[in-house]
PDB file of N, CA and C in Angstrom:
ATOM      1  N   MET A   1      16.802  24.409 -12.484  1.00  0.00           N
ATOM      2  CA  MET A   1      17.204  23.595 -13.613  1.00  0.00           C
ATOM      3  C   MET A   1      16.999  22.119 -13.276  1.00  0.00           C
ATOM      4  N   HIS A   2      16.379  21.381 -14.181  1.00  0.00           N
ATOM      5  CA  HIS A   2      16.130  19.963 -13.969  1.00  0.00           C
ATOM      6  C   HIS A   2      17.352  19.145 -14.351  1.00  0.00           C
ATOM      7  N   GLY A   3      17.549  18.042 -13.610  1.00  0.00           N
ATOM      8  CA  GLY A   3      18.664  17.150 -13.906  1.00  0.00           C
ATOM      9  C   GLY A   3      18.303  16.225 -15.049  1.00  0.00           C
ATOM     10  N   ALA A   4      19.165  15.286 -15.301  1.00  0.00           N
ATOM     11  CA  ALA A   4      18.987  14.356 -16.414  1.00  0.00           C
ATOM     12  C   ALA A   4      17.825  13.389 -16.175  1.00  0.00           C
ATOM     13  N   GLY A   5      17.388  13.260 -14.952  1.00  0.00           N
ATOM     14  CA  GLY A   5      16.276  12.358 -14.664  1.00  0.00           C
ATOM     15  C   GLY A   5      16.674  11.292 -13.670  1.00  0.00           C
ATOM     16  N   VAL A   6      15.870  10.283 -13.607  1.00  0.00           N
ATOM     17  CA  VAL A   6      16.042   9.215 -12.649  1.00  0.00           C
ATOM     18  C   VAL A   6      17.194   8.308 -13.081  1.00  0.00           C
ATOM     19  N   SER A   7      18.013   7.905 -12.106  1.00  0.00           N
ATOM     20  CA  SER A   7      19.118   7.000 -12.425  1.00  0.00           C
ATOM     21  C   SER A   7      18.562   5.684 -12.960  1.00  0.00           C
ATOM     22  N   ASP A   8      19.380   4.979 -13.741  1.00  0.00           N
ATOM     23  CA  ASP A   8      18.942   3.716 -14.336  1.00  0.00           C
ATOM     24  C   ASP A   8      18.519   2.711 -13.268  1.00  0.00           C
ATOM     25  N   GLU A   9      19.307   2.626 -12.191  1.00  0.00           N
ATOM     26  CA  GLU A   9      18.997   1.665 -11.130  1.00  0.00           C
ATOM     27  C   GLU A   9      17.666   2.016 -10.459  1.00  0.00           C
ATOM     28  N   ARG A  10      17.495   3.277 -10.130  1.00  0.00           N
ATOM     29  CA  ARG A  10      16.249   3.702  -9.479  1.00  0.00           C
ATOM     30  C   ARG A  10      15.067   3.528 -10.439  1.00  0.00           C
ATOM     31  N   LYS A  11      15.269   3.821 -11.718  1.00  0.00           N
ATOM     32  CA  LYS A  11      14.206   3.658 -12.712  1.00  0.00           C
ATOM     33  C   LYS A  11      13.752   2.202 -12.759  1.00  0.00           C
ATOM     34  N   LYS A  12      14.713   1.272 -12.727  1.00  0.00           N
ATOM     35  CA  LYS A  12      14.362  -0.152 -12.730  1.00  0.00           C
ATOM     36  C   LYS A  12      13.581  -0.508 -11.473  1.00  0.00           C
ATOM     37  N   GLN A  13      14.001   0.016 -10.335  1.00  0.00           N
ATOM     38  CA  GLN A  13      13.293  -0.263  -9.087  1.00  0.00           C
ATOM     39  C   GLN A  13      11.863   0.288  -9.152  1.00  0.00           C
ATOM     40  N   LEU A  14      11.702   1.481  -9.696  1.00  0.00           N
ATOM     41  CA  LEU A  14      10.370   2.078  -9.814  1.00  0.00           C
ATOM     42  C   LEU A  14       9.495   1.254 -10.764  1.00  0.00           C
ATOM     43  N   ASP A  15      10.086   0.802 -11.862  1.00  0.00           N
ATOM     44  CA  ASP A  15       9.357  -0.062 -12.795  1.00  0.00           C
ATOM     45  C   ASP A  15       8.955  -1.371 -12.105  1.00  0.00           C
ATOM     46  N   ASP A  16       9.852  -1.913 -11.276  1.00  0.00           N
ATOM     47  CA  ASP A  16       9.561  -3.147 -10.542  1.00  0.00           C
ATOM     48  C   ASP A  16       8.403  -2.936  -9.564  1.00  0.00           C
ATOM     49  N   ILE A  17       8.353  -1.774  -8.926  1.00  0.00           N
ATOM     50  CA  ILE A  17       7.257  -1.472  -7.992  1.00  0.00           C
ATOM     51  C   ILE A  17       5.927  -1.465  -8.736  1.00  0.00           C
ATOM     52  N   VAL A  18       5.902  -0.809  -9.883  1.00  0.00           N
ATOM     53  CA  VAL A  18       4.679  -0.758 -10.691  1.00  0.00           C
ATOM     54  C   VAL A  18       4.278  -2.163 -11.126  1.00  0.00           C
ATOM     55  N   GLN A  19       5.246  -2.966 -11.553  1.00  0.00           N
ATOM     56  CA  GLN A  19       4.962  -4.346 -11.971  1.00  0.00           C
ATOM     57  C   GLN A  19       4.449  -5.170 -10.798  1.00  0.00           C
ATOM     58  N   LEU A  20       5.035  -4.977  -9.620  1.00  0.00           N
ATOM     59  CA  LEU A  20       4.581  -5.721  -8.446  1.00  0.00           C
ATOM     60  C   LEU A  20       3.133  -5.382  -8.115  1.00  0.00           C
ATOM     61  N   CYS A  21       2.751  -4.119  -8.290  1.00  0.00           N
ATOM     62  CA  CYS A  21       1.349  -3.741  -8.063  1.00  0.00           C
ATOM     63  C   CYS A  21       0.433  -4.537  -8.991  1.00  0.00           C
ATOM     64  N   ALA A  22       0.812  -4.647 -10.245  1.00  0.00           N
ATOM     65  CA  ALA A  22       0.014  -5.415 -11.208  1.00  0.00           C
ATOM     66  C   ALA A  22      -0.024  -6.892 -10.813  1.00  0.00           C
ATOM     67  N   ASP A  23       1.103  -7.428 -10.372  1.00  0.00           N
ATOM     68  CA  ASP A  23       1.165  -8.830  -9.963  1.00  0.00           C
ATOM     69  C   ASP A  23       0.318  -9.075  -8.711  1.00  0.00           C
ATOM     70  N   ILE A  24       0.354  -8.133  -7.775  1.00  0.00           N
ATOM     71  CA  ILE A  24      -0.453  -8.240  -6.555  1.00  0.00           C
ATOM     72  C   ILE A  24      -1.935  -8.237  -6.922  1.00  0.00           C
ATOM     73  N   ASP A  25      -2.313  -7.324  -7.807  1.00  0.00           N
ATOM     74  CA  ASP A  25      -3.700  -7.245  -8.251  1.00  0.00           C
ATOM     75  C   ASP A  25      -4.132  -8.577  -8.863  1.00  0.00           C
ATOM     76  N   ASN A  26      -3.288  -9.147  -9.682  1.00  0.00           N
ATOM     77  CA  ASN A  26      -3.578 -10.432 -10.321  1.00  0.00           C
ATOM     78  C   ASN A  26      -3.757 -11.533  -9.272  1.00  0.00           C
ATOM     79  N   ALA A  27      -2.878 -11.564  -8.276  1.00  0.00           N
ATOM     80  CA  ALA A  27      -2.970 -12.585  -7.224  1.00  0.00           C
ATOM     81  C   ALA A  27      -4.254 -12.410  -6.415  1.00  0.00           C
ATOM     82  N   VAL A  28      -4.619 -11.165  -6.121  1.00  0.00           N
ATOM     83  CA  VAL A  28      -5.846 -10.907  -5.364  1.00  0.00           C
ATOM     84  C   VAL A  28      -7.065 -11.334  -6.175  1.00  0.00           C
ATOM     85  N   GLN A  29      -7.055 -11.043  -7.480  1.00  0.00           N
ATOM     86  CA  GLN A  29      -8.176 -11.441  -8.334  1.00  0.00           C
ATOM     87  C   GLN A  29      -8.366 -12.963  -8.315  1.00  0.00           C
ATOM     88  N   LYS A  30      -7.245 -13.684  -8.184  1.00  0.00           N
ATOM     89  CA  LYS A  30      -7.293 -15.152  -8.147  1.00  0.00           C
ATOM     90  C   LYS A  30      -7.487 -15.681  -6.722  1.00  0.00           C
ATOM     91  N   ALA A  31      -7.566 -14.761  -5.741  1.00  0.00           N
ATOM     92  CA  ALA A  31      -7.658 -15.124  -4.318  1.00  0.00           C
ATOM     93  C   ALA A  31      -6.467 -15.974  -3.886  1.00  0.00           C
ATOM     94  N   ASP A  32      -5.307 -15.704  -4.458  1.00  0.00           N
ATOM     95  CA  ASP A  32      -4.072 -16.400  -4.093  1.00  0.00           C
ATOM     96  C   ASP A  32      -3.364 -15.562  -3.023  1.00  0.00           C
ATOM     97  N   TRP A  33      -3.813 -15.716  -1.777  1.00  0.00           N
ATOM     98  CA  TRP A  33      -3.368 -14.841  -0.693  1.00  0.00           C
ATOM     99  C   TRP A  33      -1.902 -15.047  -0.347  1.00  0.00           C
ATOM    100  N   ASP A  34      -1.415 -16.267  -0.491  1.00  0.00           N
ATOM    101  CA  ASP A  34      -0.008 -16.542  -0.185  1.00  0.00           C
ATOM    102  C   ASP A  34       0.891 -15.739  -1.130  1.00  0.00           C
ATOM    103  N   VAL A  35       0.593 -15.825  -2.415  1.00  0.00           N
ATOM    104  CA  VAL A  35       1.379 -15.086  -3.416  1.00  0.00           C
ATOM    105  C   VAL A  35       1.216 -13.582  -3.202  1.00  0.00           C
ATOM    106  N   ALA A  36      -0.021 -13.129  -2.985  1.00  0.00           N
ATOM    107  CA  ALA A  36      -0.269 -11.693  -2.778  1.00  0.00           C
ATOM    108  C   ALA A  36       0.541 -11.180  -1.593  1.00  0.00           C
ATOM    109  N   GLY A  37       0.578 -11.940  -0.518  1.00  0.00           N
ATOM    110  CA  GLY A  37       1.330 -11.531   0.675  1.00  0.00           C
ATOM    111  C   GLY A  37       2.826 -11.435   0.400  1.00  0.00           C
ATOM    112  N   LYS A  38       3.354 -12.419  -0.330  1.00  0.00           N
ATOM    113  CA  LYS A  38       4.784 -12.401  -0.660  1.00  0.00           C
ATOM    114  C   LYS A  38       5.122 -11.210  -1.566  1.00  0.00           C
ATOM    115  N   LEU A  39       4.241 -10.950  -2.530  1.00  0.00           N
ATOM    116  CA  LEU A  39       4.472  -9.821  -3.435  1.00  0.00           C
ATOM    117  C   LEU A  39       4.376  -8.493  -2.697  1.00  0.00           C
ATOM    118  N   LEU A  40       3.414  -8.380  -1.776  1.00  0.00           N
ATOM    119  CA  LEU A  40       3.297  -7.157  -0.978  1.00  0.00           C
ATOM    120  C   LEU A  40       4.551  -6.931  -0.141  1.00  0.00           C
ATOM    121  N   SER A  41       5.067  -8.012   0.421  1.00  0.00           N
ATOM    122  CA  SER A  41       6.283  -7.913   1.224  1.00  0.00           C
ATOM    123  C   SER A  41       7.463  -7.451   0.371  1.00  0.00           C
ATOM    124  N   ARG A  42       7.589  -8.039  -0.822  1.00  0.00           N
ATOM    125  CA  ARG A  42       8.674  -7.658  -1.729  1.00  0.00           C
ATOM    126  C   ARG A  42       8.532  -6.191  -2.143  1.00  0.00           C
ATOM    127  N   ARG A  43       7.287  -5.788  -2.441  1.00  0.00           N
ATOM    128  CA  ARG A  43       7.064  -4.394  -2.843  1.00  0.00           C
ATOM    129  C   ARG A  43       7.404  -3.441  -1.699  1.00  0.00           C
ATOM    130  N   HIS A  44       7.016  -3.820  -0.479  1.00  0.00           N
ATOM    131  CA  HIS A  44       7.306  -2.981   0.687  1.00  0.00           C
ATOM    132  C   HIS A  44       8.819  -2.775   0.843  1.00  0.00           C
ATOM    133  N   GLN A  45       9.580  -3.852   0.710  1.00  0.00           N
ATOM    134  CA  GLN A  45      11.044  -3.755   0.823  1.00  0.00           C
ATOM    135  C   GLN A  45      11.615  -2.863  -0.272  1.00  0.00           C
ATOM    136  N   LEU A  46      11.106  -3.004  -1.474  1.00  0.00           N
ATOM    137  CA  LEU A  46      11.585  -2.211  -2.602  1.00  0.00           C
ATOM    138  C   LEU A  46      11.242  -0.732  -2.409  1.00  0.00           C
ATOM    139  N   VAL A  47      10.027  -0.458  -1.948  1.00  0.00           N
ATOM    140  CA  VAL A  47       9.619   0.930  -1.692  1.00  0.00           C
ATOM    141  C   VAL A  47      10.529   1.550  -0.636  1.00  0.00           C
ATOM    142  N   GLU A  48      10.791   0.801   0.443  1.00  0.00           N
ATOM    143  CA  GLU A  48      11.682   1.319   1.487  1.00  0.00           C
ATOM    144  C   GLU A  48      13.063   1.628   0.921  1.00  0.00           C
ATOM    145  N   SER A  49      13.571   0.738   0.094  1.00  0.00           N
ATOM    146  CA  SER A  49      14.895   0.921  -0.495  1.00  0.00           C
ATOM    147  C   SER A  49      14.932   2.148  -1.407  1.00  0.00           C
ATOM    148  N   VAL A  50      13.923   2.274  -2.267  1.00  0.00           N
ATOM    149  CA  VAL A  50      13.882   3.382  -3.228  1.00  0.00           C
ATOM    150  C   VAL A  50      13.765   4.728  -2.518  1.00  0.00           C
ATOM    151  N   PHE A  51      12.946   4.768  -1.463  1.00  0.00           N
ATOM    152  CA  PHE A  51      12.710   6.037  -0.794  1.00  0.00           C
ATOM    153  C   PHE A  51      13.707   6.324   0.322  1.00  0.00           C
ATOM    154  N   ALA A  52      14.640   5.403   0.558  1.00  0.00           N
ATOM    155  CA  ALA A  52      15.650   5.618   1.590  1.00  0.00           C
ATOM    156  C   ALA A  52      16.649   6.698   1.173  1.00  0.00           C
ATOM    157  N   GLU A  53      16.955   6.749  -0.111  1.00  0.00           N
ATOM    158  CA  GLU A  53      17.893   7.746  -0.631  1.00  0.00           C
ATOM    159  C   GLU A  53      17.132   8.990  -1.053  1.00  0.00           C
ATOM    160  N   PRO A  54      17.604  10.158  -0.681  1.00  0.00           N
ATOM    161  CA  PRO A  54      16.940  11.376  -1.146  1.00  0.00           C
ATOM    162  C   PRO A  54      17.102  11.521  -2.658  1.00  0.00           C
ATOM    163  N   PRO A  55      16.097  12.092  -3.313  1.00  0.00           N
ATOM    164  CA  PRO A  55      16.202  12.274  -4.763  1.00  0.00           C
ATOM    165  C   PRO A  55      17.366  13.196  -5.120  1.00  0.00           C
ATOM    166  N   ALA A  56      18.067  12.859  -6.183  1.00  0.00           N
ATOM    167  CA  ALA A  56      19.247  13.627  -6.599  1.00  0.00           C
ATOM    168  C   ALA A  56      18.862  14.866  -7.395  1.00  0.00           C
ATOM    169  N   THR A  57      17.735  14.798  -8.090  1.00  0.00           N
ATOM    170  CA  THR A  57      17.335  15.902  -8.957  1.00  0.00           C
ATOM    171  C   THR A  57      15.847  16.186  -8.776  1.00  0.00           C
ATOM    172  N   THR A  58      15.399  17.276  -9.338  1.00  0.00           N
ATOM    173  CA  THR A  58      13.985  17.612  -9.312  1.00  0.00           C
ATOM    174  C   THR A  58      13.183  16.564 -10.083  1.00  0.00           C
ATOM    175  N   ALA A  59      13.717  16.113 -11.207  1.00  0.00           N
ATOM    176  CA  ALA A  59      13.039  15.083 -11.998  1.00  0.00           C
ATOM    177  C   ALA A  59      12.913  13.790 -11.199  1.00  0.00           C
ATOM    178  N   ASP A  60      13.966  13.462 -10.468  1.00  0.00           N
ATOM    179  CA  ASP A  60      13.974  12.283  -9.610  1.00  0.00           C
ATOM    180  C   ASP A  60      12.877  12.416  -8.550  1.00  0.00           C
ATOM    181  N   ALA A  61      12.794  13.572  -7.934  1.00  0.00           N
ATOM    182  CA  ALA A  61      11.786  13.820  -6.902  1.00  0.00           C
ATOM    183  C   ALA A  61      10.377  13.704  -7.483  1.00  0.00           C
ATOM    184  N   GLU A  62      10.177  14.231  -8.672  1.00  0.00           N
ATOM    185  CA  GLU A  62       8.862  14.155  -9.321  1.00  0.00           C
ATOM    186  C   GLU A  62       8.490  12.708  -9.626  1.00  0.00           C
ATOM    187  N   GLU A  63       9.459  11.945 -10.110  1.00  0.00           N
ATOM    188  CA  GLU A  63       9.208  10.533 -10.425  1.00  0.00           C
ATOM    189  C   GLU A  63       8.856   9.763  -9.156  1.00  0.00           C
ATOM    190  N   LEU A  64       9.583  10.014  -8.074  1.00  0.00           N
ATOM    191  CA  LEU A  64       9.295   9.342  -6.803  1.00  0.00           C
ATOM    192  C   LEU A  64       7.899   9.713  -6.305  1.00  0.00           C
ATOM    193  N   LYS A  65       7.558  10.974  -6.441  1.00  0.00           N
ATOM    194  CA  LYS A  65       6.231  11.439  -6.014  1.00  0.00           C
ATOM    195  C   LYS A  65       5.139  10.733  -6.819  1.00  0.00           C
ATOM    196  N   THR A  66       5.335  10.628  -8.122  1.00  0.00           N
ATOM    197  CA  THR A  66       4.358   9.974  -8.990  1.00  0.00           C
ATOM    198  C   THR A  66       4.160   8.516  -8.590  1.00  0.00           C
ATOM    199  N   ILE A  67       5.265   7.811  -8.373  1.00  0.00           N
ATOM    200  CA  ILE A  67       5.185   6.396  -7.992  1.00  0.00           C
ATOM    201  C   ILE A  67       4.516   6.253  -6.625  1.00  0.00           C
ATOM    202  N   ALA A  68       4.884   7.109  -5.683  1.00  0.00           N
ATOM    203  CA  ALA A  68       4.277   7.055  -4.348  1.00  0.00           C
ATOM    204  C   ALA A  68       2.761   7.244  -4.445  1.00  0.00           C
ATOM    205  N   GLU A  69       2.336   8.194  -5.254  1.00  0.00           N
ATOM    206  CA  GLU A  69       0.901   8.436  -5.432  1.00  0.00           C
ATOM    207  C   GLU A  69       0.218   7.236  -6.075  1.00  0.00           C
ATOM    208  N   GLN A  70       0.877   6.615  -7.049  1.00  0.00           N
ATOM    209  CA  GLN A  70       0.308   5.433  -7.714  1.00  0.00           C
ATOM    210  C   GLN A  70       0.156   4.275  -6.725  1.00  0.00           C
ATOM    211  N   VAL A  71       1.183   4.065  -5.905  1.00  0.00           N
ATOM    212  CA  VAL A  71       1.147   2.969  -4.933  1.00  0.00           C
ATOM    213  C   VAL A  71       0.035   3.220  -3.915  1.00  0.00           C
ATOM    214  N   MET A  72      -0.086   4.447  -3.427  1.00  0.00           N
ATOM    215  CA  MET A  72      -1.126   4.755  -2.446  1.00  0.00           C
ATOM    216  C   MET A  72      -2.523   4.591  -3.056  1.00  0.00           C
ATOM    217  N   ALA A  73      -2.698   5.041  -4.290  1.00  0.00           N
ATOM    218  CA  ALA A  73      -3.986   4.893  -4.960  1.00  0.00           C
ATOM    219  C   ALA A  73      -4.305   3.415  -5.175  1.00  0.00           C
ATOM    220  N   PHE A  74      -3.303   2.651  -5.571  1.00  0.00           N
ATOM    221  CA  PHE A  74      -3.473   1.213  -5.774  1.00  0.00           C
ATOM    222  C   PHE A  74      -3.910   0.549  -4.472  1.00  0.00           C
ATOM    223  N   ASP A  75      -3.221   0.887  -3.379  1.00  0.00           N
ATOM    224  CA  ASP A  75      -3.549   0.283  -2.089  1.00  0.00           C
ATOM    225  C   ASP A  75      -4.954   0.665  -1.630  1.00  0.00           C
ATOM    226  N   ARG A  76      -5.336   1.922  -1.842  1.00  0.00           N
ATOM    227  CA  ARG A  76      -6.696   2.354  -1.459  1.00  0.00           C
ATOM    228  C   ARG A  76      -7.755   1.571  -2.229  1.00  0.00           C
ATOM    229  N   GLU A  77      -7.474   1.259  -3.477  1.00  0.00           N
ATOM    230  CA  GLU A  77      -8.411   0.520  -4.312  1.00  0.00           C
ATOM    231  C   GLU A  77      -8.361  -0.981  -4.014  1.00  0.00           C
ATOM    232  N   LEU A  78      -7.165  -1.490  -3.794  1.00  0.00           N
ATOM    233  CA  LEU A  78      -6.975  -2.924  -3.626  1.00  0.00           C
ATOM    234  C   LEU A  78      -7.460  -3.436  -2.275  1.00  0.00           C
ATOM    235  N   MET A  79      -7.192  -2.718  -1.219  1.00  0.00           N
ATOM    236  CA  MET A  79      -7.482  -3.239   0.115  1.00  0.00           C
ATOM    237  C   MET A  79      -8.961  -3.569   0.321  1.00  0.00           C
ATOM    238  N   PRO A  80      -9.898  -2.710  -0.069  1.00  0.00           N
ATOM    239  CA  PRO A  80     -11.305  -3.109   0.093  1.00  0.00           C
ATOM    240  C   PRO A  80     -11.650  -4.351  -0.739  1.00  0.00           C
ATOM    241  N   MET A  81     -11.079  -4.444  -1.947  1.00  0.00           N
ATOM    242  CA  MET A  81     -11.309  -5.624  -2.782  1.00  0.00           C
ATOM    243  C   MET A  81     -10.755  -6.873  -2.107  1.00  0.00           C
ATOM    244  N   ALA A  82      -9.560  -6.760  -1.565  1.00  0.00           N
ATOM    245  CA  ALA A  82      -8.927  -7.899  -0.899  1.00  0.00           C
ATOM    246  C   ALA A  82      -9.729  -8.307   0.329  1.00  0.00           C
ATOM    247  N   ASP A  83     -10.179  -7.331   1.110  1.00  0.00           N
ATOM    248  CA  ASP A  83     -10.976  -7.642   2.295  1.00  0.00           C
ATOM    249  C   ASP A  83     -12.277  -8.339   1.912  1.00  0.00           C
ATOM    250  N   ALA A  84     -12.935  -7.845   0.868  1.00  0.00           N
ATOM    251  CA  ALA A  84     -14.193  -8.450   0.415  1.00  0.00           C
ATOM    252  C   ALA A  84     -13.955  -9.877  -0.079  1.00  0.00           C
ATOM    253  N   ALA A  85     -12.906 -10.061  -0.880  1.00  0.00           N
ATOM    254  CA  ALA A  85     -12.602 -11.391  -1.411  1.00  0.00           C
ATOM    255  C   ALA A  85     -12.225 -12.352  -0.288  1.00  0.00           C
ATOM    256  N   ARG A  86     -11.475 -11.854   0.688  1.00  0.00           N
ATOM    257  CA  ARG A  86     -11.093 -12.690   1.822  1.00  0.00           C
ATOM    258  C   ARG A  86     -12.339 -13.089   2.606  1.00  0.00           C
ATOM    259  N   GLY A  87     -13.272 -12.139   2.770  1.00  0.00           N
ATOM    260  CA  GLY A  87     -14.521 -12.429   3.468  1.00  0.00           C
ATOM    261  C   GLY A  87     -15.335 -13.478   2.740  1.00  0.00           C
ATOM    262  N   GLU A  88     -15.388 -13.373   1.408  1.00  0.00           N
ATOM    263  CA  GLU A  88     -16.110 -14.366   0.607  1.00  0.00           C
ATOM    264  C   GLU A  88     -15.460 -15.739   0.741  1.00  0.00           C
ATOM    265  N   ALA A  89     -14.134 -15.770   0.722  1.00  0.00           N
ATOM    266  CA  ALA A  89     -13.429 -17.049   0.857  1.00  0.00           C
ATOM    267  C   ALA A  89     -13.694 -17.658   2.234  1.00  0.00           C
ATOM    268  N   ALA A  90     -13.701 -16.840   3.269  1.00  0.00           N
ATOM    269  CA  ALA A  90     -13.977 -17.335   4.618  1.00  0.00           C
ATOM    270  C   ALA A  90     -15.396 -17.881   4.701  1.00  0.00           C
ATOM    271  N   GLU A  91     -16.344 -17.202   4.062  1.00  0.00           N
ATOM    272  CA  GLU A  91     -17.744 -17.658   4.050  1.00  0.00           C
ATOM    273  C   GLU A  91     -17.864 -18.997   3.332  1.00  0.00           C
ATOM    274  N   GLU A  92     -17.140 -19.159   2.223  1.00  0.00           N
ATOM    275  CA  GLU A  92     -17.151 -20.432   1.496  1.00  0.00           C
ATOM    276  C   GLU A  92     -16.593 -21.562   2.359  1.00  0.00           C
ATOM    277  N   LEU A  93     -15.517 -21.263   3.101  1.00  0.00           N
ATOM    278  CA  LEU A  93     -14.946 -22.280   3.993  1.00  0.00           C
ATOM    279  C   LEU A  93     -15.951 -22.689   5.059  1.00  0.00           C
ATOM    280  N   LYS A  94     -16.662 -21.714   5.616  1.00  0.00           N
ATOM    281  CA  LYS A  94     -17.687 -22.032   6.623  1.00  0.00           C
ATOM    282  C   LYS A  94     -18.755 -22.942   6.029  1.00  0.00           C
ATOM    283  N   LYS A  95     -19.197 -22.646   4.806  1.00  0.00           N
ATOM    284  CA  LYS A  95     -20.210 -23.475   4.153  1.00  0.00           C
ATOM    285  C   LYS A  95     -19.694 -24.898   3.941  1.00  0.00           C
ATOM    286  N   LEU A  96     -18.420 -25.000   3.508  1.00  0.00           N
ATOM    287  CA  LEU A  96     -17.836 -26.330   3.307  1.00  0.00           C
ATOM    288  C   LEU A  96     -17.790 -27.110   4.613  1.00  0.00           C
ATOM    289  N   ARG A  97     -17.369 -26.446   5.684  1.00  0.00           N
ATOM    290  CA  ARG A  97     -17.299 -27.114   6.988  1.00  0.00           C
ATOM    291  C   ARG A  97     -18.683 -27.568   7.430  1.00  0.00           C
ATOM    292  N   ARG A  98     -19.677 -26.682   7.280  1.00  0.00           N
ATOM    293  CA  ARG A  98     -21.045 -27.047   7.678  1.00  0.00           C
ATOM    294  C   ARG A  98     -21.527 -28.239   6.853  1.00  0.00           C
ATOM    295  N   GLY A  99     -21.206 -28.232   5.569  1.00  0.00           N
ATOM    296  CA  GLY A  99     -21.594 -29.350   4.711  1.00  0.00           C
ATOM    297  C   GLY A  99     -20.947 -30.649   5.150  1.00  0.00           C
ATOM    298  N   ARG A 100     -19.656 -30.583   5.473  1.00  0.00           N
ATOM    299  CA  ARG A 100     -18.946 -31.782   5.944  1.00  0.00           C
ATOM    300  C   ARG A 100     -19.520 -32.270   7.267  1.00  0.00           C
ATOM    301  N   GLU A 101     -19.777 -31.301   8.164  1.00  0.00           N
ATOM    302  CA  GLU A 101     -20.336 -31.662   9.466  1.00  0.00           C
ATOM    303  C   GLU A 101     -21.708 -32.306   9.290  1.00  0.00           C
ATOM    304  N   ALA A 102     -22.531 -31.756   8.399  1.00  0.00           N
ATOM    305  CA  ALA A 102     -23.861 -32.327   8.152  1.00  0.00           C
ATOM    306  C   ALA A 102     -23.733 -33.728   7.573  1.00  0.00           C
ATOM    307  N   ALA A 103     -22.801 -33.924   6.658  1.00  0.00           N
ATOM    308  CA  ALA A 103     -22.587 -35.249   6.065  1.00  0.00           C
ATOM    309  C   ALA A 103     -22.139 -36.243   7.131  1.00  0.00           C
ATOM    310  N   GLU A 104     -21.278 -35.805   8.033  1.00  0.00           N
ATOM    311  CA  GLU A 104     -20.788 -36.659   9.122  1.00  0.00           C
ATOM    312  C   GLU A 104     -21.946 -37.059  10.037  1.00  0.00           C
ATOM    313  N   VAL A 105     -22.772 -36.079  10.395  1.00  0.00           N
ATOM    314  CA  VAL A 105     -23.927 -36.356  11.254  1.00  0.00           C
ATOM    315  C   VAL A 105     -24.855 -37.343  10.560  1.00  0.00           C
ATOM    316  N   TYR A 106     -25.099 -37.122   9.281  1.00  0.00           N
ATOM    317  CA  TYR A 106     -25.976 -38.016   8.518  1.00  0.00           C
ATOM    318  C   TYR A 106     -25.423 -39.437   8.505  1.00  0.00           C
ATOM    319  N   LYS A 107     -24.093 -39.562   8.297  1.00  0.00           N
ATOM    320  CA  LYS A 107     -23.482 -40.898   8.286  1.00  0.00           C
ATOM    321  C   LYS A 107     -23.674 -41.578   9.621  1.00  0.00           C
ATOM    322  N   GLN A 108     -23.511 -40.844  10.718  1.00  0.00           N
ATOM    323  CA  GLN A 108     -23.628 -41.429  12.061  1.00  0.00           C
ATOM    324  C   GLN A 108     -25.079 -41.829  12.353  1.00  0.00           C
ATOM    325  N   ILE A 109     -26.023 -41.012  11.939  1.00  0.00           N
ATOM    326  CA  ILE A 109     -27.433 -41.281  12.193  1.00  0.00           C
ATOM    327  C   ILE A 109     -27.920 -42.466  11.363  1.00  0.00           C
ATOM    328  N   SER A 110     -27.430 -42.588  10.144  1.00  0.00           N
ATOM    329  CA  SER A 110     -27.932 -43.602   9.229  1.00  0.00           C
ATOM    330  C   SER A 110     -27.317 -44.972   9.444  1.00  0.00           C
ATOM    331  N   ARG A 111     -26.478 -45.122  10.439  1.00  0.00           N
ATOM    332  CA  ARG A 111     -25.845 -46.435  10.694  1.00  0.00           C
ATOM    333  C   ARG A 111     -26.789 -47.392  11.329  1.00  0.00           C
TER     334      ARG A 111
END
C-alpha cells in the first residue's frame, strides 16, 4: 500500500534541487563559474540533507529515486559542457595574455 506521498518539507527540498540544477545550467551557459560553484555546493548540501533520512513511504522512495536519477543525468550532461566551456575560457585568457605581452614587447621595441 502506498502512503500519502512526499512530505511537504521534503517536496520543497526536492523542488529546490531541481531549480538549482536549472540555475547551475544557466550559470554554466554564461560561464559564471563562481556562481555555478556556489550553486553546486548548495545543491550538494541539499541532496545530502534530503537523502540522509530514509523514505517514509513507497511514494517517497519513488520520488527520491526520480530526483536522484534526474540529478545524475543532469551532471552527466553538464560536466562535459562545463569542462569544454572552461577550456574555451582558459584558451581566451591565454590569447589575451599573449596579446598583452606582444603589445608590451612592441612598446619596448618602438621606444
